[in-house]
Amino acid sequence: FPFLLLLVSGGHCQIMWVRNIGNYQ
């Protein structure tokens, strides 16, 4: 942590800043 996340799936498309467990912007 932290890292930049691109979540791309059948139902989701999001860019998140992942700071920690459960801490997502």
mmCIF file of all heavy atoms, coordinates in Angstrom:
data_MODEL
# 
_entry.id   MODEL 
# 
loop_
_atom_site.group_PDB 
_atom_site.id 
_atom_site.type_symbol 
_atom_site.label_atom_id 
_atom_site.label_alt_id 
_atom_site.label_comp_id 
_atom_site.label_asym_id 
_atom_site.label_entity_id 
_atom_site.label_seq_id 
_atom_site.pdbx_PDB_ins_code 
_atom_site.Cartn_x 
_atom_site.Cartn_y 
_atom_site.Cartn_z 
_atom_site.occupancy 
_atom_site.B_iso_or_equiv 
_atom_site.pdbx_formal_charge 
_atom_site.auth_seq_id 
_atom_site.auth_comp_id 
_atom_site.auth_asym_id 
_atom_site.auth_atom_id 
_atom_site.pdbx_PDB_model_num 
ATOM 1   N N   . PHE A 1 1  ? 0.843   -1.191 0.000   1.00 0.00 ? 1  PHE A N   1 
ATOM 2   C CA  . PHE A 1 1  ? 0.000   0.000  0.000   1.00 0.00 ? 1  PHE A CA  1 
ATOM 3   C C   . PHE A 1 1  ? 0.883   1.248  0.000   1.00 0.00 ? 1  PHE A C   1 
ATOM 4   O O   . PHE A 1 1  ? 1.970   1.227  0.567   1.00 0.00 ? 1  PHE A O   1 
ATOM 5   C CB  . PHE A 1 1  ? -0.897  0.021  1.242   1.00 0.00 ? 1  PHE A CB  1 
ATOM 6   C CG  . PHE A 1 1  ? -1.872  -1.116 1.327   1.00 0.00 ? 1  PHE A CG  1 
ATOM 7   C CD1 . PHE A 1 1  ? -1.800  -2.035 2.366   1.00 0.00 ? 1  PHE A CD1 1 
ATOM 8   C CD2 . PHE A 1 1  ? -2.872  -1.264 0.382   1.00 0.00 ? 1  PHE A CD2 1 
ATOM 9   C CE1 . PHE A 1 1  ? -2.713  -3.077 2.462   1.00 0.00 ? 1  PHE A CE1 1 
ATOM 10  C CE2 . PHE A 1 1  ? -3.796  -2.310 0.473   1.00 0.00 ? 1  PHE A CE2 1 
ATOM 11  C CZ  . PHE A 1 1  ? -3.698  -3.217 1.516   1.00 0.00 ? 1  PHE A CZ  1 
ATOM 12  N N   . PRO A 1 2  ? 0.416   2.326  -0.613  1.00 0.00 ? 2  PRO A N   1 
ATOM 13  C CA  . PRO A 1 2  ? -0.813  2.450  -1.418  1.00 0.00 ? 2  PRO A CA  1 
ATOM 14  C C   . PRO A 1 2  ? -0.543  2.054  -2.866  1.00 0.00 ? 2  PRO A C   1 
ATOM 15  O O   . PRO A 1 2  ? 0.609   1.976  -3.295  1.00 0.00 ? 2  PRO A O   1 
ATOM 16  C CB  . PRO A 1 2  ? -1.129  3.946  -1.315  1.00 0.00 ? 2  PRO A CB  1 
ATOM 17  C CG  . PRO A 1 2  ? 0.226   4.585  -1.236  1.00 0.00 ? 2  PRO A CG  1 
ATOM 18  C CD  . PRO A 1 2  ? 1.092   3.622  -0.455  1.00 0.00 ? 2  PRO A CD  1 
ATOM 19  N N   . PHE A 1 3  ? -1.621  1.829  -3.636  1.00 0.00 ? 3  PHE A N   1 
ATOM 20  C CA  . PHE A 1 3  ? -1.474  1.579  -5.065  1.00 0.00 ? 3  PHE A CA  1 
ATOM 21  C C   . PHE A 1 3  ? -2.722  2.050  -5.803  1.00 0.00 ? 3  PHE A C   1 
ATOM 22  O O   . PHE A 1 3  ? -3.798  2.192  -5.211  1.00 0.00 ? 3  PHE A O   1 
ATOM 23  C CB  . PHE A 1 3  ? -1.173  0.106  -5.371  1.00 0.00 ? 3  PHE A CB  1 
ATOM 24  C CG  . PHE A 1 3  ? -2.224  -0.876 -4.890  1.00 0.00 ? 3  PHE A CG  1 
ATOM 25  C CD1 . PHE A 1 3  ? -3.333  -1.185 -5.675  1.00 0.00 ? 3  PHE A CD1 1 
ATOM 26  C CD2 . PHE A 1 3  ? -2.083  -1.522 -3.663  1.00 0.00 ? 3  PHE A CD2 1 
ATOM 27  C CE1 . PHE A 1 3  ? -4.285  -2.110 -5.247  1.00 0.00 ? 3  PHE A CE1 1 
ATOM 28  C CE2 . PHE A 1 3  ? -3.027  -2.452 -3.228  1.00 0.00 ? 3  PHE A CE2 1 
ATOM 29  C CZ  . PHE A 1 3  ? -4.130  -2.747 -4.016  1.00 0.00 ? 3  PHE A CZ  1 
ATOM 30  N N   . LEU A 1 4  ? -2.555  2.299  -7.090  1.00 0.00 ? 4  LEU A N   1 
ATOM 31  C CA  . LEU A 1 4  ? -3.676  2.693  -7.942  1.00 0.00 ? 4  LEU A CA  1 
ATOM 32  C C   . LEU A 1 4  ? -4.295  1.434  -8.523  1.00 0.00 ? 4  LEU A C   1 
ATOM 33  O O   . LEU A 1 4  ? -3.584  0.540  -8.990  1.00 0.00 ? 4  LEU A O   1 
ATOM 34  C CB  . LEU A 1 4  ? -3.205  3.611  -9.069  1.00 0.00 ? 4  LEU A CB  1 
ATOM 35  C CG  . LEU A 1 4  ? -4.311  4.180  -9.981  1.00 0.00 ? 4  LEU A CG  1 
ATOM 36  C CD1 . LEU A 1 4  ? -5.184  5.169  -9.217  1.00 0.00 ? 4  LEU A CD1 1 
ATOM 37  C CD2 . LEU A 1 4  ? -3.706  4.852  -11.206 1.00 0.00 ? 4  LEU A CD2 1 
ATOM 38  N N   . LEU A 1 5  ? -5.631  1.363  -8.487  1.00 0.00 ? 5  LEU A N   1 
ATOM 39  C CA  . LEU A 1 5  ? -6.347  0.178  -8.952  1.00 0.00 ? 5  LEU A CA  1 
ATOM 40  C C   . LEU A 1 5  ? -7.309  0.534  -10.079 1.00 0.00 ? 5  LEU A C   1 
ATOM 41  O O   . LEU A 1 5  ? -8.075  1.495  -9.969  1.00 0.00 ? 5  LEU A O   1 
ATOM 42  C CB  . LEU A 1 5  ? -7.142  -0.435 -7.796  1.00 0.00 ? 5  LEU A CB  1 
ATOM 43  C CG  . LEU A 1 5  ? -8.166  -1.521 -8.164  1.00 0.00 ? 5  LEU A CG  1 
ATOM 44  C CD1 . LEU A 1 5  ? -7.462  -2.813 -8.561  1.00 0.00 ? 5  LEU A CD1 1 
ATOM 45  C CD2 . LEU A 1 5  ? -9.136  -1.766 -7.007  1.00 0.00 ? 5  LEU A CD2 1 
ATOM 46  N N   . LEU A 1 6  ? -7.263  -0.251 -11.140 1.00 0.00 ? 6  LEU A N   1 
ATOM 47  C CA  . LEU A 1 6  ? -8.305  -0.214 -12.169 1.00 0.00 ? 6  LEU A CA  1 
ATOM 48  C C   . LEU A 1 6  ? -9.054  -1.531 -12.064 1.00 0.00 ? 6  LEU A C   1 
ATOM 49  O O   . LEU A 1 6  ? -8.492  -2.598 -12.311 1.00 0.00 ? 6  LEU A O   1 
ATOM 50  C CB  . LEU A 1 6  ? -7.716  -0.051 -13.571 1.00 0.00 ? 6  LEU A CB  1 
ATOM 51  C CG  . LEU A 1 6  ? -8.739  -0.181 -14.721 1.00 0.00 ? 6  LEU A CG  1 
ATOM 52  C CD1 . LEU A 1 6  ? -9.756  0.957  -14.675 1.00 0.00 ? 6  LEU A CD1 1 
ATOM 53  C CD2 . LEU A 1 6  ? -8.033  -0.225 -16.075 1.00 0.00 ? 6  LEU A CD2 1 
ATOM 54  N N   . LEU A 1 7  ? -10.316 -1.447 -11.684 1.00 0.00 ? 7  LEU A N   1 
ATOM 55  C CA  . LEU A 1 7  ? -11.158 -2.639 -11.558 1.00 0.00 ? 7  LEU A CA  1 
ATOM 56  C C   . LEU A 1 7  ? -12.103 -2.687 -12.750 1.00 0.00 ? 7  LEU A C   1 
ATOM 57  O O   . LEU A 1 7  ? -12.972 -1.823 -12.901 1.00 0.00 ? 7  LEU A O   1 
ATOM 58  C CB  . LEU A 1 7  ? -11.943 -2.583 -10.255 1.00 0.00 ? 7  LEU A CB  1 
ATOM 59  C CG  . LEU A 1 7  ? -12.942 -3.712 -9.975  1.00 0.00 ? 7  LEU A CG  1 
ATOM 60  C CD1 . LEU A 1 7  ? -12.261 -5.068 -10.034 1.00 0.00 ? 7  LEU A CD1 1 
ATOM 61  C CD2 . LEU A 1 7  ? -13.598 -3.520 -8.621  1.00 0.00 ? 7  LEU A CD2 1 
ATOM 62  N N   . VAL A 1 8  ? -11.910 -3.671 -13.613 1.00 0.00 ? 8  VAL A N   1 
ATOM 63  C CA  . VAL A 1 8  ? -12.708 -3.770 -14.831 1.00 0.00 ? 8  VAL A CA  1 
ATOM 64  C C   . VAL A 1 8  ? -13.291 -5.175 -14.949 1.00 0.00 ? 8  VAL A C   1 
ATOM 65  O O   . VAL A 1 8  ? -12.569 -6.156 -15.040 1.00 0.00 ? 8  VAL A O   1 
ATOM 66  C CB  . VAL A 1 8  ? -11.870 -3.442 -16.094 1.00 0.00 ? 8  VAL A CB  1 
ATOM 67  C CG1 . VAL A 1 8  ? -11.825 -1.947 -16.346 1.00 0.00 ? 8  VAL A CG1 1 
ATOM 68  C CG2 . VAL A 1 8  ? -10.452 -3.992 -15.998 1.00 0.00 ? 8  VAL A CG2 1 
ATOM 69  N N   . SER A 1 9  ? -14.619 -5.249 -14.923 1.00 0.00 ? 9  SER A N   1 
ATOM 70  C CA  . SER A 1 9  ? -15.295 -6.546 -14.972 1.00 0.00 ? 9  SER A CA  1 
ATOM 71  C C   . SER A 1 9  ? -16.620 -6.402 -15.692 1.00 0.00 ? 9  SER A C   1 
ATOM 72  O O   . SER A 1 9  ? -16.911 -5.365 -16.292 1.00 0.00 ? 9  SER A O   1 
ATOM 73  C CB  . SER A 1 9  ? -15.515 -7.066 -13.546 1.00 0.00 ? 9  SER A CB  1 
ATOM 74  O OG  . SER A 1 9  ? -16.429 -6.232 -12.854 1.00 0.00 ? 9  SER A OG  1 
ATOM 75  N N   . GLY A 1 10 ? -17.437 -7.455 -15.594 1.00 0.00 ? 10 GLY A N   1 
ATOM 76  C CA  . GLY A 1 10 ? -18.729 -7.422 -16.265 1.00 0.00 ? 10 GLY A CA  1 
ATOM 77  C C   . GLY A 1 10 ? -19.683 -6.396 -15.680 1.00 0.00 ? 10 GLY A C   1 
ATOM 78  O O   . GLY A 1 10 ? -20.547 -5.875 -16.372 1.00 0.00 ? 10 GLY A O   1 
ATOM 79  N N   . GLY A 1 11 ? -19.526 -6.104 -14.404 1.00 0.00 ? 11 GLY A N   1 
ATOM 80  C CA  . GLY A 1 11 ? -20.460 -5.186 -13.760 1.00 0.00 ? 11 GLY A CA  1 
ATOM 81  C C   . GLY A 1 11 ? -19.837 -3.926 -13.210 1.00 0.00 ? 11 GLY A C   1 
ATOM 82  O O   . GLY A 1 11 ? -20.541 -3.053 -12.695 1.00 0.00 ? 11 GLY A O   1 
ATOM 83  N N   . HIS A 1 12 ? -18.498 -3.804 -13.303 1.00 0.00 ? 12 HIS A N   1 
ATOM 84  C CA  . HIS A 1 12 ? -17.833 -2.679 -12.660 1.00 0.00 ? 12 HIS A CA  1 
ATOM 85  C C   . HIS A 1 12 ? -16.706 -2.113 -13.521 1.00 0.00 ? 12 HIS A C   1 
ATOM 86  O O   . HIS A 1 12 ? -16.033 -2.840 -14.241 1.00 0.00 ? 12 HIS A O   1 
ATOM 87  C CB  . HIS A 1 12 ? -17.265 -3.108 -11.301 1.00 0.00 ? 12 HIS A CB  1 
ATOM 88  C CG  . HIS A 1 12 ? -18.292 -3.701 -10.397 1.00 0.00 ? 12 HIS A CG  1 
ATOM 89  N ND1 . HIS A 1 12 ? -19.142 -2.944 -9.631  1.00 0.00 ? 12 HIS A ND1 1 
ATOM 90  C CD2 . HIS A 1 12 ? -18.628 -4.997 -10.163 1.00 0.00 ? 12 HIS A CD2 1 
ATOM 91  C CE1 . HIS A 1 12 ? -19.957 -3.735 -8.951  1.00 0.00 ? 12 HIS A CE1 1 
ATOM 92  N NE2 . HIS A 1 12 ? -19.666 -4.985 -9.255  1.00 0.00 ? 12 HIS A NE2 1 
ATOM 93  N N   . CYS A 1 13 ? -16.526 -0.813 -13.419 1.00 0.00 ? 13 CYS A N   1 
ATOM 94  C CA  . CYS A 1 13 ? -15.402 -0.141 -14.065 1.00 0.00 ? 13 CYS A CA  1 
ATOM 95  C C   . CYS A 1 13 ? -15.055 1.065  -13.194 1.00 0.00 ? 13 CYS A C   1 
ATOM 96  O O   . CYS A 1 13 ? -15.773 2.067  -13.192 1.00 0.00 ? 13 CYS A O   1 
ATOM 97  C CB  . CYS A 1 13 ? -15.768 0.291  -15.485 1.00 0.00 ? 13 CYS A CB  1 
ATOM 98  S SG  . CYS A 1 13 ? -14.398 1.073  -16.368 1.00 0.00 ? 13 CYS A SG  1 
ATOM 99  N N   . GLN A 1 14 ? -13.985 0.943  -12.414 1.00 0.00 ? 14 GLN A N   1 
ATOM 100 C CA  . GLN A 1 14 ? -13.638 1.969  -11.436 1.00 0.00 ? 14 GLN A CA  1 
ATOM 101 C C   . GLN A 1 14 ? -12.136 2.160  -11.358 1.00 0.00 ? 14 GLN A C   1 
ATOM 102 O O   . GLN A 1 14 ? -11.368 1.220  -11.543 1.00 0.00 ? 14 GLN A O   1 
ATOM 103 C CB  . GLN A 1 14 ? -14.140 1.562  -10.037 1.00 0.00 ? 14 GLN A CB  1 
ATOM 104 C CG  . GLN A 1 14 ? -15.626 1.324  -9.935  1.00 0.00 ? 14 GLN A CG  1 
ATOM 105 C CD  . GLN A 1 14 ? -16.036 0.795  -8.574  1.00 0.00 ? 14 GLN A CD  1 
ATOM 106 O OE1 . GLN A 1 14 ? -15.205 0.316  -7.803  1.00 0.00 ? 14 GLN A OE1 1 
ATOM 107 N NE2 . GLN A 1 14 ? -17.325 0.891  -8.260  1.00 0.00 ? 14 GLN A NE2 1 
ATOM 108 N N   . ILE A 1 15 ? -11.735 3.395  -11.063 1.00 0.00 ? 15 ILE A N   1 
ATOM 109 C CA  . ILE A 1 15 ? -10.358 3.699  -10.702 1.00 0.00 ? 15 ILE A CA  1 
ATOM 110 C C   . ILE A 1 15 ? -10.361 4.071  -9.226  1.00 0.00 ? 15 ILE A C   1 
ATOM 111 O O   . ILE A 1 15 ? -11.108 4.956  -8.803  1.00 0.00 ? 15 ILE A O   1 
ATOM 112 C CB  . ILE A 1 15 ? -9.780  4.844  -11.538 1.00 0.00 ? 15 ILE A CB  1 
ATOM 113 C CG1 . ILE A 1 15 ? -9.710  4.466  -13.031 1.00 0.00 ? 15 ILE A CG1 1 
ATOM 114 C CG2 . ILE A 1 15 ? -8.381  5.217  -11.041 1.00 0.00 ? 15 ILE A CG2 1 
ATOM 115 C CD1 . ILE A 1 15 ? -9.145  5.556  -13.908 1.00 0.00 ? 15 ILE A CD1 1 
ATOM 116 N N   . MET A 1 16 ? -9.543  3.368  -8.447  1.00 0.00 ? 16 MET A N   1 
ATOM 117 C CA  . MET A 1 16 ? -9.505  3.574  -6.996  1.00 0.00 ? 16 MET A CA  1 
ATOM 118 C C   . MET A 1 16 ? -8.078  3.846  -6.538  1.00 0.00 ? 16 MET A C   1 
ATOM 119 O O   . MET A 1 16 ? -7.125  3.288  -7.085  1.00 0.00 ? 16 MET A O   1 
ATOM 120 C CB  . MET A 1 16 ? -10.019 2.326  -6.257  1.00 0.00 ? 16 MET A CB  1 
ATOM 121 C CG  . MET A 1 16 ? -11.342 1.762  -6.697  1.00 0.00 ? 16 MET A CG  1 
ATOM 122 S SD  . MET A 1 16 ? -12.766 2.683  -6.129  1.00 0.00 ? 16 MET A SD  1 
ATOM 123 C CE  . MET A 1 16 ? -12.584 2.582  -4.355  1.00 0.00 ? 16 MET A CE  1 
ATOM 124 N N   . TRP A 1 17 ? -7.960  4.683  -5.510  1.00 0.00 ? 17 TRP A N   1 
ATOM 125 C CA  . TRP A 1 17 ? -6.694  4.848  -4.817  1.00 0.00 ? 17 TRP A CA  1 
ATOM 126 C C   . TRP A 1 17 ? -6.786  4.000  -3.556  1.00 0.00 ? 17 TRP A C   1 
ATOM 127 O O   . TRP A 1 17 ? -7.611  4.258  -2.678  1.00 0.00 ? 17 TRP A O   1 
ATOM 128 C CB  . TRP A 1 17 ? -6.462  6.311  -4.491  1.00 0.00 ? 17 TRP A CB  1 
ATOM 129 C CG  . TRP A 1 17 ? -5.176  6.643  -3.798  1.00 0.00 ? 17 TRP A CG  1 
ATOM 130 C CD1 . TRP A 1 17 ? -5.036  7.333  -2.631  1.00 0.00 ? 17 TRP A CD1 1 
ATOM 131 C CD2 . TRP A 1 17 ? -3.835  6.347  -4.237  1.00 0.00 ? 17 TRP A CD2 1 
ATOM 132 N NE1 . TRP A 1 17 ? -3.712  7.482  -2.305  1.00 0.00 ? 17 TRP A NE1 1 
ATOM 133 C CE2 . TRP A 1 17 ? -2.945  6.888  -3.278  1.00 0.00 ? 17 TRP A CE2 1 
ATOM 134 C CE3 . TRP A 1 17 ? -3.307  5.671  -5.333  1.00 0.00 ? 17 TRP A CE3 1 
ATOM 135 C CZ2 . TRP A 1 17 ? -1.555  6.772  -3.387  1.00 0.00 ? 17 TRP A CZ2 1 
ATOM 136 C CZ3 . TRP A 1 17 ? -1.921  5.557  -5.451  1.00 0.00 ? 17 TRP A CZ3 1 
ATOM 137 C CH2 . TRP A 1 17 ? -1.067  6.094  -4.499  1.00 0.00 ? 17 TRP A CH2 1 
ATOM 138 N N   . VAL A 1 18 ? -5.994  2.947  -3.491  1.00 0.00 ? 18 VAL A N   1 
ATOM 139 C CA  . VAL A 1 18 ? -6.057  1.973  -2.404  1.00 0.00 ? 18 VAL A CA  1 
ATOM 140 C C   . VAL A 1 18 ? -4.987  2.314  -1.377  1.00 0.00 ? 18 VAL A C   1 
ATOM 141 O O   . VAL A 1 18 ? -3.796  2.101  -1.613  1.00 0.00 ? 18 VAL A O   1 
ATOM 142 C CB  . VAL A 1 18 ? -5.856  0.546  -2.954  1.00 0.00 ? 18 VAL A CB  1 
ATOM 143 C CG1 . VAL A 1 18 ? -5.918  -0.470 -1.826  1.00 0.00 ? 18 VAL A CG1 1 
ATOM 144 C CG2 . VAL A 1 18 ? -6.905  0.235  -4.022  1.00 0.00 ? 18 VAL A CG2 1 
ATOM 145 N N   . ARG A 1 19 ? -5.421  2.831  -0.229  1.00 0.00 ? 19 ARG A N   1 
ATOM 146 C CA  . ARG A 1 19 ? -4.476  3.271  0.797   1.00 0.00 ? 19 ARG A CA  1 
ATOM 147 C C   . ARG A 1 19 ? -4.144  2.158  1.792   1.00 0.00 ? 19 ARG A C   1 
ATOM 148 O O   . ARG A 1 19 ? -3.009  2.080  2.287   1.00 0.00 ? 19 ARG A O   1 
ATOM 149 C CB  . ARG A 1 19 ? -5.051  4.463  1.563   1.00 0.00 ? 19 ARG A CB  1 
ATOM 150 C CG  . ARG A 1 19 ? -5.212  5.737  0.746   1.00 0.00 ? 19 ARG A CG  1 
ATOM 151 C CD  . ARG A 1 19 ? -5.516  6.911  1.676   1.00 0.00 ? 19 ARG A CD  1 
ATOM 152 N NE  . ARG A 1 19 ? -5.660  8.161  0.933   1.00 0.00 ? 19 ARG A NE  1 
ATOM 153 C CZ  . ARG A 1 19 ? -6.827  8.657  0.533   1.00 0.00 ? 19 ARG A CZ  1 
ATOM 154 N NH1 . ARG A 1 19 ? -7.948  7.983  0.796   1.00 0.00 ? 19 ARG A NH1 1 
ATOM 155 N NH2 . ARG A 1 19 ? -6.889  9.793  -0.125  1.00 0.00 ? 19 ARG A NH2 1 
ATOM 156 N N   . ASN A 1 20 ? -5.165  1.327  2.104   1.00 0.00 ? 20 ASN A N   1 
ATOM 157 C CA  . ASN A 1 20 ? -4.994  0.303  3.138   1.00 0.00 ? 20 ASN A CA  1 
ATOM 158 C C   . ASN A 1 20 ? -6.189  -0.637 3.063   1.00 0.00 ? 20 ASN A C   1 
ATOM 159 O O   . ASN A 1 20 ? -7.095  -0.426 2.252   1.00 0.00 ? 20 ASN A O   1 
ATOM 160 C CB  . ASN A 1 20 ? -4.912  0.977  4.514   1.00 0.00 ? 20 ASN A CB  1 
ATOM 161 C CG  . ASN A 1 20 ? -4.341  0.060  5.588   1.00 0.00 ? 20 ASN A CG  1 
ATOM 162 O OD1 . ASN A 1 20 ? -4.086  -1.113 5.335   1.00 0.00 ? 20 ASN A OD1 1 
ATOM 163 N ND2 . ASN A 1 20 ? -4.153  0.590  6.783   1.00 0.00 ? 20 ASN A ND2 1 
ATOM 164 N N   . ILE A 1 21 ? -6.214  -1.641 3.914   1.00 0.00 ? 21 ILE A N   1 
ATOM 165 C CA  . ILE A 1 21 ? -7.365  -2.536 3.979   1.00 0.00 ? 21 ILE A CA  1 
ATOM 166 C C   . ILE A 1 21 ? -8.607  -1.711 4.326   1.00 0.00 ? 21 ILE A C   1 
ATOM 167 O O   . ILE A 1 21 ? -8.675  -1.072 5.367   1.00 0.00 ? 21 ILE A O   1 
ATOM 168 C CB  . ILE A 1 21 ? -7.167  -3.630 5.049   1.00 0.00 ? 21 ILE A CB  1 
ATOM 169 C CG1 . ILE A 1 21 ? -5.886  -4.428 4.786   1.00 0.00 ? 21 ILE A CG1 1 
ATOM 170 C CG2 . ILE A 1 21 ? -8.375  -4.555 5.088   1.00 0.00 ? 21 ILE A CG2 1 
ATOM 171 C CD1 . ILE A 1 21 ? -5.868  -5.167 3.486   1.00 0.00 ? 21 ILE A CD1 1 
ATOM 172 N N   . GLY A 1 22 ? -9.592  -1.700 3.437   1.00 0.00 ? 22 GLY A N   1 
ATOM 173 C CA  . GLY A 1 22 ? -10.823 -0.966 3.690   1.00 0.00 ? 22 GLY A CA  1 
ATOM 174 C C   . GLY A 1 22 ? -10.735 0.529  3.484   1.00 0.00 ? 22 GLY A C   1 
ATOM 175 O O   . GLY A 1 22 ? -11.732 1.237  3.675   1.00 0.00 ? 22 GLY A O   1 
ATOM 176 N N   . ASN A 1 23 ? -9.597  1.042  3.071   1.00 0.00 ? 23 ASN A N   1 
ATOM 177 C CA  . ASN A 1 23 ? -9.436  2.484  2.867   1.00 0.00 ? 23 ASN A CA  1 
ATOM 178 C C   . ASN A 1 23 ? -9.273  2.746  1.377   1.00 0.00 ? 23 ASN A C   1 
ATOM 179 O O   . ASN A 1 23 ? -8.167  2.695  0.836   1.00 0.00 ? 23 ASN A O   1 
ATOM 180 C CB  . ASN A 1 23 ? -8.211  2.992  3.640   1.00 0.00 ? 23 ASN A CB  1 
ATOM 181 C CG  . ASN A 1 23 ? -8.121  4.511  3.642   1.00 0.00 ? 23 ASN A CG  1 
ATOM 182 O OD1 . ASN A 1 23 ? -8.662  5.181  2.766   1.00 0.00 ? 23 ASN A OD1 1 
ATOM 183 N ND2 . ASN A 1 23 ? -7.436  5.059  4.630   1.00 0.00 ? 23 ASN A ND2 1 
ATOM 184 N N   . TYR A 1 24 ? -10.403 3.008  0.708   1.00 0.00 ? 24 TYR A N   1 
ATOM 185 C CA  . TYR A 1 24 ? -10.424 3.133  -0.738  1.00 0.00 ? 24 TYR A CA  1 
ATOM 186 C C   . TYR A 1 24 ? -11.057 4.459  -1.154  1.00 0.00 ? 24 TYR A C   1 
ATOM 187 O O   . TYR A 1 24 ? -12.160 4.784  -0.711  1.00 0.00 ? 24 TYR A O   1 
ATOM 188 C CB  . TYR A 1 24 ? -11.219 1.984  -1.362  1.00 0.00 ? 24 TYR A CB  1 
ATOM 189 C CG  . TYR A 1 24 ? -10.765 0.633  -0.882  1.00 0.00 ? 24 TYR A CG  1 
ATOM 190 C CD1 . TYR A 1 24 ? -11.594 -0.151 -0.080  1.00 0.00 ? 24 TYR A CD1 1 
ATOM 191 C CD2 . TYR A 1 24 ? -9.504  0.145  -1.198  1.00 0.00 ? 24 TYR A CD2 1 
ATOM 192 C CE1 . TYR A 1 24 ? -11.182 -1.390 0.379   1.00 0.00 ? 24 TYR A CE1 1 
ATOM 193 C CE2 . TYR A 1 24 ? -9.078  -1.087 -0.740  1.00 0.00 ? 24 TYR A CE2 1 
ATOM 194 C CZ  . TYR A 1 24 ? -9.914  -1.855 0.047   1.00 0.00 ? 24 TYR A CZ  1 
ATOM 195 O OH  . TYR A 1 24 ? -9.491  -3.072 0.509   1.00 0.00 ? 24 TYR A OH  1 
ATOM 196 N N   . GLN A 1 25 ? -10.354 5.190  -2.004  1.00 0.00 ? 25 GLN A N   1 
ATOM 197 C CA  . GLN A 1 25 ? -10.882 6.448  -2.519  1.00 0.00 ? 25 GLN A CA  1 
ATOM 198 C C   . GLN A 1 25 ? -11.264 6.263  -3.983  1.00 0.00 ? 25 GLN A C   1 
ATOM 199 O O   . GLN A 1 25 ? -10.416 5.944  -4.824  1.00 0.00 ? 25 GLN A O   1 
ATOM 200 C CB  . GLN A 1 25 ? -9.846  7.560  -2.394  1.00 0.00 ? 25 GLN A CB  1 
ATOM 201 C CG  . GLN A 1 25 ? -10.331 8.913  -2.927  1.00 0.00 ? 25 GLN A CG  1 
ATOM 202 C CD  . GLN A 1 25 ? -9.248  9.968  -2.913  1.00 0.00 ? 25 GLN A CD  1 
ATOM 203 O OE1 . GLN A 1 25 ? -8.120  9.719  -2.462  1.00 0.00 ? 25 GLN A OE1 1 
ATOM 204 N NE2 . GLN A 1 25 ? -9.564  11.155 -3.407  1.00 0.00 ? 25 GLN A NE2 1 
# 
